[in-house]
Protein backbone atom coordinates (compact mmCIF):
# COMPACT_ATOMS: atom_id res chain seq x y z
CA MET A 1 0.00 0.00 0.00
CA ASN A 2 1.36 3.42 -0.91
CA THR A 3 1.12 6.28 1.50
CA VAL A 4 1.36 9.88 0.45
CA GLU A 5 3.44 12.08 2.70
CA THR A 6 2.25 15.64 2.97
CA ALA A 7 4.58 18.59 3.40
CA PRO A 8 4.39 20.39 6.74
CA THR A 9 2.33 23.54 6.74
CA PRO A 10 4.04 26.94 7.13
CA ALA A 11 2.36 27.28 10.54
CA ALA A 12 3.87 23.98 11.69
CA ILE A 13 7.30 25.06 10.49
CA LEU A 14 7.04 28.43 12.25
CA ASN A 15 5.83 26.74 15.42
CA SER A 16 8.83 24.40 15.33
CA LEU A 17 11.23 27.31 14.82
CA LEU A 18 9.66 29.23 17.69
CA ARG A 19 9.84 26.21 19.95
CA ASN A 20 13.59 25.77 19.51
CA GLY A 21 14.29 29.50 19.73
CA ILE A 22 15.73 30.27 16.30
CA VAL A 23 13.22 33.03 15.65
CA VAL A 24 13.70 34.51 19.12
CA ARG A 25 17.48 34.67 18.69
CA ALA A 26 17.18 36.21 15.22
CA VAL A 27 14.77 38.88 16.47
CA ALA A 28 17.11 39.61 19.40
CA LEU A 29 20.01 40.16 16.97
CA ALA A 30 17.93 42.42 14.75
CA LEU A 31 16.73 44.43 17.73
CA ALA A 32 20.25 44.78 19.12
CA THR A 33 21.51 45.98 15.74
CA ILE A 34 18.74 48.56 15.42
CA VAL A 35 19.30 49.84 18.96
CA LEU A 36 23.07 50.11 18.52
CA ILE A 37 22.71 52.00 15.25
CA ALA A 38 20.04 54.27 16.73
CA LEU A 39 22.32 55.04 19.69
CA ARG A 40 25.10 55.88 17.23
CA HIS A 41 27.29 52.94 18.27
CA PRO A 42 27.63 51.09 14.96
CA THR A 43 31.10 49.82 15.92
CA TRP A 44 29.40 47.59 18.50
CA VAL A 45 27.32 45.79 15.87
CA PRO A 46 30.05 43.22 15.05
CA TYR A 47 30.29 42.41 18.76
CA SER A 48 26.55 41.80 18.95
CA VAL A 49 26.77 39.58 15.86
CA SER A 50 29.61 37.62 17.48
CA LEU A 51 27.60 37.25 20.68
CA TYR A 52 24.63 36.07 18.62
CA ALA A 53 26.80 33.48 16.86
CA ILE A 54 28.03 32.11 20.19
CA TRP A 55 24.49 32.11 21.63
CA ASN A 56 23.13 30.39 18.54
CA ALA A 57 25.85 27.73 18.48
CA ALA A 58 25.32 26.94 22.16
CA ALA A 59 21.55 26.74 21.73
CA LEU A 60 21.80 24.50 18.67
CA THR A 61 24.26 22.24 20.48
CA LEU A 62 21.97 21.94 23.50
CA ASN A 63 18.97 21.23 21.25
CA SER A 64 20.97 18.52 19.48
CA VAL A 65 21.88 16.94 22.81
CA ARG A 66 18.24 16.99 23.89
CA ALA A 67 17.16 15.44 20.60
CA ALA A 68 19.79 12.72 20.88
CA ARG A 69 18.49 11.68 24.32
CA VAL A 70 15.03 10.92 22.97
């Protein structure tokens, strides 16, 4: 018997991204960039991007560890 797999809906994909924090981290980076530019501190933007990269790598690693336990 053949079964047809359906693609996940955009809402399901967004929900998954929100659950593991990718969207939250991306919004935090965008907000930090906007605030730093508005406060006339554009030289701090690379530091916020670096901090975001570290935060993102740590979060993805922890999510991978949690997924591996299941």
